[in-house]
């Protein structure tokens, strides 16, 4: 039985996302999860909140509470989670976050979702296309826009919490719908197939769901 290690930037386990992704992994796969915030109380997590100039990331605690943390503050905690999974002899590892991270030390291959998703978008659109990007936090807009600015100057960004109510969608994607985007990318691993389905329904446009693209890649590697 092959082992895959999954590192979340929040607390593990993440059944809201991993259960959907595991559909693509194939049979006889043992999934081991670790979280950068495992073992921390909410008050301790608040100390990891972003300060000026830091990149905010949206994640959740094991009880479902949404928290905002700074990427720069959790790098050592992610590395510790990776070490723990290496000790369990996983054959491949996934960092469960779309974001720009350094290469971590690991005994096995680590998949970084942003690199997979970005290459997928790059293969689909050109400079005449209009790209829609859905992110979890408005503070991430400049980062998301910069990531794709070389592909096309026509970019519309909106934000939706992956952990909120679906009723927020209709208002949040109005700009994307009005822009008549050619392609929409849901730029967070926390977005689910249910949310993506609703975005497709409301816009009538093709949608890339980050965790689905990444999960299919993992399935290929575990074949």
N, C-alpha and C. Protein backbone atom coordinates (compact mmCIF):
# COMPACT_ATOMS: atom_id res chain seq x y z
N UNK A 1 0.85 -1.20 0.00
CA UNK A 1 0.00 0.00 0.00
C UNK A 1 0.89 1.25 0.00
N UNK A 2 0.64 2.15 -0.97
CA UNK A 2 1.42 3.37 -1.06
C UNK A 2 0.92 4.40 -0.04
N UNK A 3 1.85 5.18 0.48
CA UNK A 3 1.50 6.22 1.45
C UNK A 3 1.69 7.59 0.82
N UNK A 4 0.69 8.46 0.97
CA UNK A 4 0.82 9.85 0.57
C UNK A 4 0.68 10.73 1.81
N UNK A 5 1.58 11.68 1.95
CA UNK A 5 1.51 12.61 3.06
C UNK A 5 0.91 13.93 2.62
N UNK A 6 -0.01 14.46 3.39
CA UNK A 6 -0.65 15.73 3.07
C UNK A 6 -0.43 16.70 4.22
N UNK A 7 0.16 17.84 3.90
CA UNK A 7 0.44 18.88 4.90
C UNK A 7 -0.49 20.05 4.67
N UNK A 8 -1.35 20.33 5.62
CA UNK A 8 -2.21 21.51 5.55
C UNK A 8 -1.58 22.66 6.32
N UNK A 9 -1.85 23.88 5.89
CA UNK A 9 -1.31 25.04 6.61
C UNK A 9 -2.12 25.34 7.85
N UNK A 10 -3.26 24.64 8.00
CA UNK A 10 -4.10 24.79 9.19
C UNK A 10 -3.93 23.58 10.08
N UNK A 11 -5.07 23.06 10.58
CA UNK A 11 -5.03 21.87 11.42
C UNK A 11 -5.56 20.67 10.65
N UNK A 12 -4.98 19.54 10.92
CA UNK A 12 -5.42 18.30 10.30
C UNK A 12 -6.33 17.53 11.26
N UNK A 13 -7.19 16.65 10.69
CA UNK A 13 -7.33 16.33 9.27
C UNK A 13 -8.22 17.36 8.56
N UNK A 14 -8.23 17.29 7.20
CA UNK A 14 -9.06 18.17 6.39
C UNK A 14 -10.03 17.34 5.54
N UNK A 15 -11.03 16.72 6.16
CA UNK A 15 -11.97 15.88 5.41
C UNK A 15 -12.76 16.66 4.36
N UNK A 16 -12.93 17.98 4.56
CA UNK A 16 -13.70 18.79 3.62
C UNK A 16 -13.04 18.82 2.25
N UNK A 17 -11.72 18.68 2.21
CA UNK A 17 -10.98 18.75 0.95
C UNK A 17 -10.39 17.39 0.57
N UNK A 18 -9.76 16.73 1.52
CA UNK A 18 -9.04 15.49 1.23
C UNK A 18 -9.98 14.37 0.77
N UNK A 19 -11.16 14.31 1.32
CA UNK A 19 -12.11 13.26 0.90
C UNK A 19 -12.42 13.38 -0.58
N UNK A 20 -12.63 14.59 -1.08
CA UNK A 20 -12.90 14.80 -2.49
C UNK A 20 -11.68 14.45 -3.34
N UNK A 21 -10.51 14.88 -2.89
CA UNK A 21 -9.29 14.65 -3.65
C UNK A 21 -8.94 13.17 -3.74
N UNK A 22 -9.19 12.43 -2.67
CA UNK A 22 -8.78 11.03 -2.62
C UNK A 22 -9.49 10.18 -3.68
N UNK A 23 -10.59 10.67 -4.22
CA UNK A 23 -11.30 9.96 -5.29
C UNK A 23 -10.38 9.72 -6.48
N UNK A 24 -9.44 10.65 -6.70
CA UNK A 24 -8.55 10.57 -7.87
C UNK A 24 -7.24 9.84 -7.57
N UNK A 25 -7.00 9.47 -6.33
CA UNK A 25 -5.72 8.88 -5.96
C UNK A 25 -5.58 7.42 -6.39
N UNK A 26 -6.70 6.74 -6.59
CA UNK A 26 -6.66 5.32 -6.91
C UNK A 26 -6.86 4.46 -5.67
N UNK A 27 -6.69 3.16 -5.85
CA UNK A 27 -6.94 2.21 -4.78
C UNK A 27 -5.67 1.92 -3.98
N UNK A 28 -5.88 1.38 -2.78
CA UNK A 28 -4.77 0.97 -1.91
C UNK A 28 -3.80 2.10 -1.62
N UNK A 29 -4.37 3.26 -1.29
CA UNK A 29 -3.56 4.43 -0.93
C UNK A 29 -3.82 4.78 0.54
N UNK A 30 -2.77 4.88 1.30
CA UNK A 30 -2.88 5.27 2.71
C UNK A 30 -2.53 6.74 2.83
N UNK A 31 -3.48 7.55 3.31
CA UNK A 31 -3.28 9.00 3.42
C UNK A 31 -2.95 9.37 4.86
N UNK A 32 -1.80 10.03 5.03
CA UNK A 32 -1.39 10.53 6.34
C UNK A 32 -1.41 12.05 6.31
N UNK A 33 -2.09 12.66 7.26
CA UNK A 33 -2.20 14.12 7.28
C UNK A 33 -1.50 14.72 8.50
N UNK A 34 -0.90 15.88 8.25
CA UNK A 34 -0.32 16.68 9.32
C UNK A 34 -0.67 18.14 9.04
N UNK A 35 -0.76 18.94 10.11
CA UNK A 35 -1.10 20.34 9.95
C UNK A 35 -0.08 21.24 10.63
N UNK A 36 0.22 22.37 10.00
CA UNK A 36 1.16 23.31 10.59
C UNK A 36 0.68 23.84 11.94
N UNK A 37 -0.65 23.85 12.12
CA UNK A 37 -1.21 24.39 13.37
C UNK A 37 -1.65 23.30 14.34
N UNK A 38 -1.33 22.06 14.04
CA UNK A 38 -1.72 20.96 14.93
C UNK A 38 -1.19 21.19 16.34
N UNK A 39 -2.05 20.98 17.32
CA UNK A 39 -1.66 21.10 18.72
C UNK A 39 -1.71 22.51 19.27
N UNK A 40 -2.03 23.50 18.42
CA UNK A 40 -2.08 24.88 18.87
C UNK A 40 -3.51 25.30 19.21
N UNK A 41 -3.67 26.04 20.29
CA UNK A 41 -4.96 26.61 20.64
C UNK A 41 -5.19 27.86 19.81
N UNK A 42 -6.45 28.29 19.75
CA UNK A 42 -6.80 29.45 18.93
C UNK A 42 -6.01 30.68 19.34
N UNK A 43 -5.79 30.89 20.62
CA UNK A 43 -5.03 32.05 21.08
C UNK A 43 -3.59 32.00 20.58
N UNK A 44 -3.02 30.80 20.50
CA UNK A 44 -1.67 30.66 19.97
C UNK A 44 -1.63 30.95 18.47
N UNK A 45 -2.67 30.53 17.78
CA UNK A 45 -2.75 30.75 16.33
C UNK A 45 -2.85 32.24 16.03
N UNK A 46 -3.52 32.98 16.90
CA UNK A 46 -3.65 34.42 16.69
C UNK A 46 -2.28 35.11 16.66
N UNK A 47 -1.30 34.53 17.32
CA UNK A 47 0.05 35.09 17.31
C UNK A 47 0.71 34.94 15.94
N UNK A 48 0.12 34.10 15.08
CA UNK A 48 0.64 33.88 13.74
C UNK A 48 -0.06 34.75 12.70
N UNK A 49 -0.84 35.71 13.16
CA UNK A 49 -1.55 36.62 12.25
C UNK A 49 -0.57 37.47 11.46
N UNK A 50 -0.95 37.86 10.24
CA UNK A 50 -0.04 38.64 9.39
C UNK A 50 0.26 40.02 9.98
N UNK A 51 1.49 40.44 9.78
CA UNK A 51 1.90 41.80 10.11
C UNK A 51 2.16 42.52 8.79
N UNK A 52 2.49 43.79 8.86
CA UNK A 52 2.68 44.59 7.65
C UNK A 52 3.68 43.94 6.71
N UNK A 53 3.28 43.82 5.45
CA UNK A 53 4.16 43.26 4.43
C UNK A 53 4.15 41.76 4.32
N UNK A 54 3.41 41.07 5.19
CA UNK A 54 3.36 39.61 5.16
C UNK A 54 2.19 39.13 4.30
N UNK A 55 2.33 37.90 3.76
CA UNK A 55 1.30 37.32 2.93
C UNK A 55 0.25 36.63 3.80
N UNK A 56 -1.03 37.07 3.75
CA UNK A 56 -2.07 36.42 4.53
C UNK A 56 -2.56 35.15 3.84
N UNK A 57 -2.79 34.11 4.62
CA UNK A 57 -3.33 32.86 4.12
C UNK A 57 -4.57 32.50 4.92
N UNK A 58 -5.55 31.93 4.23
CA UNK A 58 -6.81 31.55 4.86
C UNK A 58 -6.84 30.04 5.07
N UNK A 59 -7.13 29.60 6.30
CA UNK A 59 -7.22 28.17 6.57
C UNK A 59 -8.23 27.96 7.69
N UNK A 60 -8.24 26.75 8.25
CA UNK A 60 -9.21 26.49 9.30
C UNK A 60 -8.64 25.59 10.38
N UNK A 61 -9.24 25.71 11.56
CA UNK A 61 -8.89 24.85 12.68
C UNK A 61 -9.65 23.53 12.54
N UNK A 62 -9.33 22.57 13.41
CA UNK A 62 -9.98 21.26 13.31
C UNK A 62 -11.47 21.33 13.60
N UNK A 63 -11.93 22.37 14.31
CA UNK A 63 -13.36 22.51 14.59
C UNK A 63 -14.08 23.30 13.51
N UNK A 64 -13.36 23.68 12.43
CA UNK A 64 -13.97 24.41 11.33
C UNK A 64 -13.81 25.92 11.41
N UNK A 65 -13.25 26.44 12.50
CA UNK A 65 -13.06 27.88 12.64
C UNK A 65 -12.09 28.41 11.59
N UNK A 66 -12.49 29.43 10.87
CA UNK A 66 -11.63 30.04 9.87
C UNK A 66 -10.62 30.95 10.54
N UNK A 67 -9.36 30.86 10.13
CA UNK A 67 -8.31 31.71 10.69
C UNK A 67 -7.45 32.27 9.56
N UNK A 68 -6.87 33.43 9.81
CA UNK A 68 -5.96 34.07 8.86
C UNK A 68 -4.57 34.08 9.49
N UNK A 69 -3.61 33.51 8.79
CA UNK A 69 -2.26 33.41 9.30
C UNK A 69 -1.26 33.97 8.28
N UNK A 70 -0.05 34.25 8.73
CA UNK A 70 0.99 34.78 7.85
C UNK A 70 1.83 33.64 7.29
N UNK A 71 2.00 33.62 5.99
CA UNK A 71 2.82 32.58 5.36
C UNK A 71 4.21 32.55 5.98
N UNK A 72 4.79 33.73 6.16
CA UNK A 72 6.16 33.81 6.66
C UNK A 72 6.33 33.20 8.06
N UNK A 73 5.26 33.23 8.87
CA UNK A 73 5.35 32.74 10.24
C UNK A 73 5.19 31.22 10.35
N UNK A 74 4.62 30.59 9.33
CA UNK A 74 4.35 29.16 9.45
C UNK A 74 5.34 28.29 8.67
N UNK A 75 6.30 28.90 7.99
CA UNK A 75 7.29 28.11 7.25
C UNK A 75 7.96 27.05 8.13
N UNK A 76 8.46 27.40 9.33
CA UNK A 76 9.10 26.37 10.18
C UNK A 76 8.11 25.28 10.61
N UNK A 77 6.84 25.65 10.81
CA UNK A 77 5.84 24.67 11.23
C UNK A 77 5.51 23.71 10.10
N UNK A 78 5.50 24.21 8.87
CA UNK A 78 5.30 23.33 7.72
C UNK A 78 6.46 22.36 7.60
N UNK A 79 7.68 22.86 7.76
CA UNK A 79 8.86 21.99 7.66
C UNK A 79 8.81 20.89 8.72
N UNK A 80 8.34 21.22 9.92
CA UNK A 80 8.24 20.22 10.97
C UNK A 80 7.23 19.13 10.59
N UNK A 81 6.12 19.54 10.00
CA UNK A 81 5.11 18.57 9.55
C UNK A 81 5.68 17.65 8.48
N UNK A 82 6.49 18.21 7.60
CA UNK A 82 7.13 17.42 6.54
C UNK A 82 8.09 16.40 7.14
N UNK A 83 8.86 16.80 8.14
CA UNK A 83 9.77 15.87 8.81
C UNK A 83 9.00 14.71 9.43
N UNK A 84 7.86 15.01 10.05
CA UNK A 84 7.06 13.96 10.68
C UNK A 84 6.54 12.96 9.65
N UNK A 85 6.13 13.46 8.49
CA UNK A 85 5.63 12.56 7.45
C UNK A 85 6.76 11.75 6.83
N UNK A 86 7.95 12.36 6.70
CA UNK A 86 9.11 11.60 6.22
C UNK A 86 9.42 10.43 7.15
N UNK A 87 9.26 10.65 8.44
CA UNK A 87 9.51 9.59 9.42
C UNK A 87 8.53 8.43 9.27
N UNK A 88 7.39 8.72 8.64
CA UNK A 88 6.39 7.68 8.38
C UNK A 88 6.53 7.06 6.99
N UNK A 89 7.63 7.40 6.33
CA UNK A 89 7.98 6.79 5.05
C UNK A 89 6.91 6.94 3.97
N UNK A 90 6.38 8.17 3.84
CA UNK A 90 5.44 8.40 2.74
C UNK A 90 6.21 8.43 1.42
N UNK A 91 5.54 8.05 0.34
CA UNK A 91 6.22 7.97 -0.95
C UNK A 91 6.12 9.26 -1.75
N UNK A 92 5.15 10.09 -1.41
CA UNK A 92 4.97 11.38 -2.07
C UNK A 92 4.24 12.30 -1.10
N UNK A 93 4.42 13.60 -1.25
CA UNK A 93 3.83 14.54 -0.30
C UNK A 93 3.18 15.70 -1.03
N UNK A 94 2.10 16.22 -0.44
CA UNK A 94 1.38 17.36 -0.99
C UNK A 94 1.29 18.47 0.05
N UNK A 95 1.65 19.68 -0.36
CA UNK A 95 1.41 20.86 0.47
C UNK A 95 0.04 21.39 0.09
N UNK A 96 -0.90 21.34 1.01
CA UNK A 96 -2.29 21.64 0.71
C UNK A 96 -2.56 23.15 0.74
N UNK A 97 -1.90 23.88 -0.14
CA UNK A 97 -2.09 25.32 -0.21
C UNK A 97 -1.62 25.85 -1.56
N UNK A 98 -2.43 26.69 -2.18
CA UNK A 98 -1.98 27.41 -3.37
C UNK A 98 -1.27 28.67 -2.88
N UNK A 99 0.00 28.71 -3.08
CA UNK A 99 0.80 29.84 -2.62
C UNK A 99 2.24 29.61 -3.02
N UNK A 100 3.02 30.68 -3.02
CA UNK A 100 4.43 30.59 -3.40
C UNK A 100 5.25 30.26 -2.16
N UNK A 101 5.78 29.04 -2.12
CA UNK A 101 6.56 28.58 -0.97
C UNK A 101 7.97 28.21 -1.39
N UNK A 102 8.90 28.26 -0.47
CA UNK A 102 10.26 27.79 -0.78
C UNK A 102 10.26 26.27 -0.90
N UNK A 103 11.31 25.72 -1.48
CA UNK A 103 11.45 24.27 -1.51
C UNK A 103 11.81 23.79 -0.10
N UNK A 104 10.99 22.89 0.42
CA UNK A 104 11.23 22.36 1.75
C UNK A 104 12.13 21.13 1.68
N UNK A 105 12.81 20.85 2.77
CA UNK A 105 13.62 19.64 2.85
C UNK A 105 12.71 18.43 3.01
N UNK A 106 12.95 17.42 2.19
CA UNK A 106 12.11 16.22 2.24
C UNK A 106 12.85 15.04 1.63
N UNK A 107 12.55 13.84 2.14
CA UNK A 107 13.11 12.62 1.60
C UNK A 107 12.37 12.15 0.35
N UNK A 108 11.21 12.76 0.08
CA UNK A 108 10.42 12.36 -1.08
C UNK A 108 9.93 13.60 -1.82
N UNK A 109 9.35 13.38 -2.97
CA UNK A 109 8.85 14.47 -3.79
C UNK A 109 7.70 15.21 -3.10
N UNK A 110 7.74 16.55 -3.12
CA UNK A 110 6.65 17.37 -2.61
C UNK A 110 5.98 18.07 -3.78
N UNK A 111 4.66 18.01 -3.82
CA UNK A 111 3.90 18.73 -4.84
C UNK A 111 3.47 20.08 -4.29
N UNK A 112 3.75 21.14 -5.07
CA UNK A 112 3.37 22.49 -4.70
C UNK A 112 2.24 22.92 -5.65
N UNK A 113 1.01 23.01 -5.15
CA UNK A 113 -0.15 23.24 -6.02
C UNK A 113 -0.07 24.44 -6.94
N UNK A 114 0.49 25.56 -6.47
CA UNK A 114 0.51 26.75 -7.33
C UNK A 114 1.25 26.47 -8.63
N UNK A 115 2.33 25.73 -8.55
CA UNK A 115 3.12 25.45 -9.75
C UNK A 115 2.35 24.60 -10.75
N UNK A 116 1.54 23.68 -10.24
CA UNK A 116 0.72 22.84 -11.11
C UNK A 116 -0.41 23.65 -11.73
N UNK A 117 -1.12 24.41 -10.91
CA UNK A 117 -2.26 25.19 -11.38
C UNK A 117 -1.82 26.28 -12.36
N UNK A 118 -0.75 26.96 -12.05
CA UNK A 118 -0.27 28.03 -12.93
C UNK A 118 0.08 27.51 -14.32
N UNK A 119 0.72 26.33 -14.37
CA UNK A 119 1.09 25.77 -15.67
C UNK A 119 -0.15 25.35 -16.45
N UNK A 120 -1.17 24.89 -15.74
CA UNK A 120 -2.42 24.52 -16.40
C UNK A 120 -3.08 25.73 -17.03
N UNK A 121 -3.16 26.83 -16.28
CA UNK A 121 -3.76 28.06 -16.80
C UNK A 121 -2.94 28.57 -17.98
N UNK A 122 -1.63 28.52 -17.85
CA UNK A 122 -0.74 29.00 -18.91
C UNK A 122 -0.97 28.25 -20.22
N UNK A 123 -1.30 26.97 -20.12
CA UNK A 123 -1.50 26.16 -21.32
C UNK A 123 -2.84 26.42 -21.99
N UNK A 124 -3.72 27.14 -21.32
CA UNK A 124 -5.08 27.31 -21.84
C UNK A 124 -5.40 28.70 -22.37
N UNK A 125 -4.73 29.72 -21.88
CA UNK A 125 -5.11 31.07 -22.28
C UNK A 125 -3.95 31.83 -22.92
N UNK A 126 -4.32 32.84 -23.72
CA UNK A 126 -3.36 33.74 -24.33
C UNK A 126 -3.70 35.17 -23.99
N UNK A 127 -3.00 36.10 -24.62
CA UNK A 127 -3.14 37.51 -24.26
C UNK A 127 -4.48 38.10 -24.67
N UNK A 128 -5.20 37.44 -25.54
CA UNK A 128 -6.51 37.96 -25.94
C UNK A 128 -7.63 37.44 -25.04
N UNK A 129 -7.30 36.52 -24.14
CA UNK A 129 -8.31 35.94 -23.27
C UNK A 129 -8.48 36.76 -21.99
N UNK A 130 -9.66 36.66 -21.41
CA UNK A 130 -9.95 37.32 -20.13
C UNK A 130 -10.00 36.24 -19.05
N UNK A 131 -9.15 36.39 -18.05
CA UNK A 131 -9.03 35.41 -16.97
C UNK A 131 -9.73 35.91 -15.72
N UNK A 132 -10.55 35.05 -15.15
CA UNK A 132 -11.19 35.34 -13.87
C UNK A 132 -10.50 34.53 -12.77
N UNK A 133 -10.21 35.18 -11.65
CA UNK A 133 -9.52 34.51 -10.54
C UNK A 133 -10.35 34.68 -9.27
N UNK A 134 -10.64 33.56 -8.63
CA UNK A 134 -11.36 33.60 -7.35
C UNK A 134 -10.39 33.22 -6.25
N UNK A 135 -10.19 34.12 -5.29
CA UNK A 135 -9.28 33.92 -4.17
C UNK A 135 -10.06 33.98 -2.86
N UNK A 136 -9.49 33.50 -1.76
CA UNK A 136 -10.22 33.52 -0.49
C UNK A 136 -10.17 34.84 0.26
N UNK A 137 -9.15 35.67 -0.02
CA UNK A 137 -8.97 36.92 0.73
C UNK A 137 -8.73 38.08 -0.22
N UNK A 138 -9.35 39.24 0.00
CA UNK A 138 -9.12 40.40 -0.87
C UNK A 138 -7.67 40.87 -0.82
N UNK A 139 -6.98 40.62 0.31
CA UNK A 139 -5.58 41.05 0.45
C UNK A 139 -4.65 40.29 -0.49
N UNK A 140 -5.14 39.21 -1.09
CA UNK A 140 -4.31 38.41 -1.99
C UNK A 140 -4.44 38.85 -3.45
N UNK A 141 -5.22 39.88 -3.72
CA UNK A 141 -5.50 40.24 -5.11
C UNK A 141 -4.24 40.61 -5.89
N UNK A 142 -3.39 41.46 -5.34
CA UNK A 142 -2.19 41.88 -6.07
C UNK A 142 -1.31 40.68 -6.39
N UNK A 143 -1.16 39.78 -5.44
CA UNK A 143 -0.35 38.56 -5.64
C UNK A 143 -0.93 37.71 -6.76
N UNK A 144 -2.23 37.47 -6.73
CA UNK A 144 -2.87 36.65 -7.75
C UNK A 144 -2.78 37.29 -9.13
N UNK A 145 -3.00 38.59 -9.17
CA UNK A 145 -2.94 39.30 -10.45
C UNK A 145 -1.52 39.27 -11.03
N UNK A 146 -0.52 39.46 -10.18
CA UNK A 146 0.87 39.45 -10.63
C UNK A 146 1.26 38.08 -11.19
N UNK A 147 0.72 37.01 -10.59
CA UNK A 147 1.09 35.67 -11.03
C UNK A 147 0.72 35.40 -12.49
N UNK A 148 -0.35 36.06 -12.96
CA UNK A 148 -0.84 35.77 -14.30
C UNK A 148 -0.72 36.95 -15.26
N UNK A 149 -0.13 38.04 -14.81
CA UNK A 149 -0.09 39.26 -15.62
C UNK A 149 0.71 39.09 -16.91
N UNK A 150 1.66 38.17 -16.94
CA UNK A 150 2.43 37.95 -18.16
C UNK A 150 1.65 37.15 -19.20
N UNK A 151 0.60 36.47 -18.75
CA UNK A 151 -0.21 35.67 -19.67
C UNK A 151 -1.23 36.52 -20.40
N UNK A 152 -1.87 37.43 -19.67
CA UNK A 152 -2.89 38.28 -20.25
C UNK A 152 -3.06 39.54 -19.41
N UNK A 153 -3.30 40.69 -20.04
CA UNK A 153 -3.56 41.91 -19.27
C UNK A 153 -5.01 41.98 -18.80
N UNK A 154 -5.82 41.08 -19.31
CA UNK A 154 -7.25 41.11 -18.99
C UNK A 154 -7.54 40.13 -17.85
N UNK A 155 -7.57 40.66 -16.64
CA UNK A 155 -7.75 39.83 -15.44
C UNK A 155 -8.78 40.48 -14.53
N UNK A 156 -9.71 39.68 -14.06
CA UNK A 156 -10.69 40.12 -13.06
C UNK A 156 -10.57 39.22 -11.84
N UNK A 157 -10.43 39.84 -10.67
CA UNK A 157 -10.23 39.08 -9.43
C UNK A 157 -11.39 39.36 -8.47
N UNK A 158 -11.86 38.32 -7.84
CA UNK A 158 -12.87 38.48 -6.79
C UNK A 158 -12.55 37.51 -5.66
N UNK A 159 -13.15 37.71 -4.50
CA UNK A 159 -12.84 36.84 -3.36
C UNK A 159 -14.09 36.23 -2.77
N UNK A 160 -13.95 34.96 -2.39
CA UNK A 160 -15.02 34.20 -1.74
C UNK A 160 -14.36 33.34 -0.65
N UNK A 161 -14.89 33.33 0.53
CA UNK A 161 -14.36 32.45 1.56
C UNK A 161 -14.69 31.00 1.23
N UNK A 162 -13.69 30.11 1.25
CA UNK A 162 -13.98 28.69 0.99
C UNK A 162 -14.83 28.06 2.09
N UNK A 163 -14.89 28.73 3.23
CA UNK A 163 -15.56 28.16 4.39
C UNK A 163 -16.85 28.89 4.76
N UNK A 164 -17.33 29.72 3.82
CA UNK A 164 -18.56 30.47 4.06
C UNK A 164 -19.77 29.80 3.47
N UNK A 165 -20.86 30.54 3.40
CA UNK A 165 -22.13 30.04 2.88
C UNK A 165 -22.18 30.25 1.37
N UNK A 166 -22.78 29.30 0.65
CA UNK A 166 -22.88 29.40 -0.80
C UNK A 166 -23.70 30.62 -1.25
N UNK A 167 -24.49 31.16 -0.34
CA UNK A 167 -25.32 32.31 -0.69
C UNK A 167 -24.48 33.54 -1.04
N UNK A 168 -23.21 33.55 -0.63
CA UNK A 168 -22.33 34.69 -0.92
C UNK A 168 -21.85 34.69 -2.36
N UNK A 169 -22.00 33.59 -3.07
CA UNK A 169 -21.42 33.46 -4.40
C UNK A 169 -22.00 34.43 -5.41
N UNK A 170 -23.31 34.55 -5.43
CA UNK A 170 -23.94 35.34 -6.49
C UNK A 170 -23.44 36.78 -6.52
N UNK A 171 -23.21 37.35 -5.36
CA UNK A 171 -22.71 38.73 -5.30
C UNK A 171 -21.22 38.78 -5.62
N UNK A 172 -20.47 37.81 -5.09
CA UNK A 172 -19.02 37.84 -5.21
C UNK A 172 -18.54 37.67 -6.65
N UNK A 173 -19.27 36.91 -7.46
CA UNK A 173 -18.79 36.67 -8.83
C UNK A 173 -19.43 37.59 -9.86
N UNK A 174 -20.16 38.60 -9.42
CA UNK A 174 -20.81 39.50 -10.35
C UNK A 174 -19.80 40.14 -11.31
N UNK A 175 -18.67 40.60 -10.79
CA UNK A 175 -17.67 41.24 -11.64
C UNK A 175 -17.12 40.27 -12.68
N UNK A 176 -16.90 39.02 -12.27
CA UNK A 176 -16.38 38.03 -13.20
C UNK A 176 -17.39 37.74 -14.31
N UNK A 177 -18.64 37.65 -13.92
CA UNK A 177 -19.68 37.39 -14.91
C UNK A 177 -19.83 38.57 -15.86
N UNK A 178 -19.82 39.78 -15.33
CA UNK A 178 -19.93 40.97 -16.16
C UNK A 178 -18.75 41.11 -17.11
N UNK A 179 -17.57 40.62 -16.70
CA UNK A 179 -16.37 40.73 -17.52
C UNK A 179 -16.35 39.70 -18.65
N UNK A 180 -17.30 38.76 -18.60
CA UNK A 180 -17.38 37.72 -19.62
C UNK A 180 -16.04 36.98 -19.76
N UNK A 181 -15.54 36.51 -18.62
CA UNK A 181 -14.24 35.82 -18.60
C UNK A 181 -14.28 34.54 -19.44
N UNK A 182 -13.16 34.25 -20.08
CA UNK A 182 -13.05 33.03 -20.87
C UNK A 182 -12.77 31.81 -20.01
N UNK A 183 -12.10 32.03 -18.89
CA UNK A 183 -11.71 30.95 -18.00
C UNK A 183 -11.68 31.49 -16.57
N UNK A 184 -12.12 30.66 -15.63
CA UNK A 184 -12.11 31.04 -14.22
C UNK A 184 -11.28 30.03 -13.45
N UNK A 185 -10.34 30.51 -12.64
CA UNK A 185 -9.54 29.62 -11.81
C UNK A 185 -9.87 29.88 -10.34
N UNK A 186 -10.21 28.82 -9.62
CA UNK A 186 -10.50 28.91 -8.19
C UNK A 186 -9.19 28.65 -7.46
N UNK A 187 -8.57 29.76 -7.04
CA UNK A 187 -7.16 29.78 -6.65
C UNK A 187 -6.95 29.55 -5.16
N UNK A 188 -7.46 28.42 -4.68
CA UNK A 188 -7.30 28.04 -3.27
C UNK A 188 -7.67 26.57 -3.15
N UNK A 189 -6.90 25.82 -2.39
CA UNK A 189 -7.18 24.39 -2.24
C UNK A 189 -8.42 24.14 -1.39
N UNK A 190 -8.88 25.15 -0.67
CA UNK A 190 -10.06 24.99 0.17
C UNK A 190 -11.38 25.00 -0.58
N UNK A 191 -11.38 25.48 -1.81
CA UNK A 191 -12.60 25.48 -2.60
C UNK A 191 -12.97 24.05 -2.98
N UNK A 192 -14.25 23.72 -2.88
CA UNK A 192 -14.71 22.35 -3.11
C UNK A 192 -15.41 22.21 -4.46
N UNK A 193 -15.70 20.97 -4.83
CA UNK A 193 -16.42 20.71 -6.08
C UNK A 193 -17.81 21.32 -6.04
N UNK A 194 -18.42 21.37 -4.86
CA UNK A 194 -19.75 21.97 -4.72
C UNK A 194 -19.70 23.45 -5.08
N UNK A 195 -18.68 24.15 -4.58
CA UNK A 195 -18.54 25.58 -4.88
C UNK A 195 -18.25 25.77 -6.36
N UNK A 196 -17.35 24.95 -6.92
CA UNK A 196 -17.01 25.07 -8.33
C UNK A 196 -18.23 24.83 -9.22
N UNK A 197 -19.03 23.87 -8.85
CA UNK A 197 -20.25 23.57 -9.61
C UNK A 197 -21.18 24.78 -9.65
N UNK A 198 -21.29 25.46 -8.51
CA UNK A 198 -22.16 26.63 -8.43
C UNK A 198 -21.59 27.79 -9.24
N UNK A 199 -20.26 27.95 -9.23
CA UNK A 199 -19.63 29.00 -10.02
C UNK A 199 -19.87 28.74 -11.51
N UNK A 200 -19.75 27.50 -11.92
CA UNK A 200 -20.03 27.16 -13.33
C UNK A 200 -21.48 27.49 -13.69
N UNK A 201 -22.39 27.16 -12.78
CA UNK A 201 -23.81 27.41 -13.05
C UNK A 201 -24.10 28.90 -13.16
N UNK A 202 -23.51 29.69 -12.28
CA UNK A 202 -23.81 31.11 -12.26
C UNK A 202 -23.14 31.88 -13.40
N UNK A 203 -22.01 31.37 -13.89
CA UNK A 203 -21.28 32.10 -14.93
C UNK A 203 -21.43 31.49 -16.32
N UNK A 204 -21.69 30.19 -16.38
CA UNK A 204 -21.74 29.51 -17.67
C UNK A 204 -20.37 29.38 -18.32
N UNK A 205 -19.30 29.51 -17.53
CA UNK A 205 -17.94 29.50 -18.05
C UNK A 205 -17.15 28.30 -17.50
N UNK A 206 -16.09 27.89 -18.21
CA UNK A 206 -15.24 26.80 -17.71
C UNK A 206 -14.48 27.23 -16.45
N UNK A 207 -14.35 26.31 -15.52
CA UNK A 207 -13.73 26.60 -14.23
C UNK A 207 -12.64 25.59 -13.92
N UNK A 208 -11.49 26.06 -13.49
CA UNK A 208 -10.42 25.20 -12.98
C UNK A 208 -10.51 25.20 -11.46
N UNK A 209 -10.73 24.01 -10.88
CA UNK A 209 -10.73 23.86 -9.43
C UNK A 209 -9.35 23.36 -9.02
N UNK A 210 -8.64 24.15 -8.25
CA UNK A 210 -7.24 23.85 -7.94
C UNK A 210 -7.04 22.46 -7.35
N UNK A 211 -7.84 22.10 -6.34
CA UNK A 211 -7.57 20.82 -5.69
C UNK A 211 -7.88 19.64 -6.60
N UNK A 212 -8.78 19.82 -7.55
CA UNK A 212 -9.10 18.75 -8.49
C UNK A 212 -7.95 18.51 -9.47
N UNK A 213 -7.39 19.60 -10.01
CA UNK A 213 -6.25 19.48 -10.93
C UNK A 213 -5.07 18.83 -10.23
N UNK A 214 -4.80 19.24 -9.01
CA UNK A 214 -3.68 18.69 -8.24
C UNK A 214 -3.92 17.22 -7.91
N UNK A 215 -5.15 16.89 -7.51
CA UNK A 215 -5.48 15.50 -7.16
C UNK A 215 -5.31 14.57 -8.36
N UNK A 216 -5.70 15.03 -9.54
CA UNK A 216 -5.53 14.21 -10.74
C UNK A 216 -4.05 13.99 -11.05
N UNK A 217 -3.23 15.00 -10.77
CA UNK A 217 -1.79 14.85 -10.97
C UNK A 217 -1.21 13.81 -10.01
N UNK A 218 -1.66 13.86 -8.77
CA UNK A 218 -1.20 12.88 -7.77
C UNK A 218 -1.61 11.47 -8.20
N UNK A 219 -2.83 11.34 -8.70
CA UNK A 219 -3.30 10.04 -9.16
C UNK A 219 -2.41 9.46 -10.24
N UNK A 220 -1.94 10.33 -11.13
CA UNK A 220 -1.03 9.90 -12.19
C UNK A 220 0.30 9.41 -11.61
N UNK A 221 0.80 10.13 -10.61
CA UNK A 221 2.07 9.76 -10.00
C UNK A 221 1.99 8.48 -9.18
N UNK A 222 0.79 8.18 -8.66
CA UNK A 222 0.61 7.00 -7.82
C UNK A 222 0.16 5.79 -8.62
N UNK A 223 -0.09 5.97 -9.92
CA UNK A 223 -0.61 4.89 -10.77
C UNK A 223 0.32 3.67 -10.72
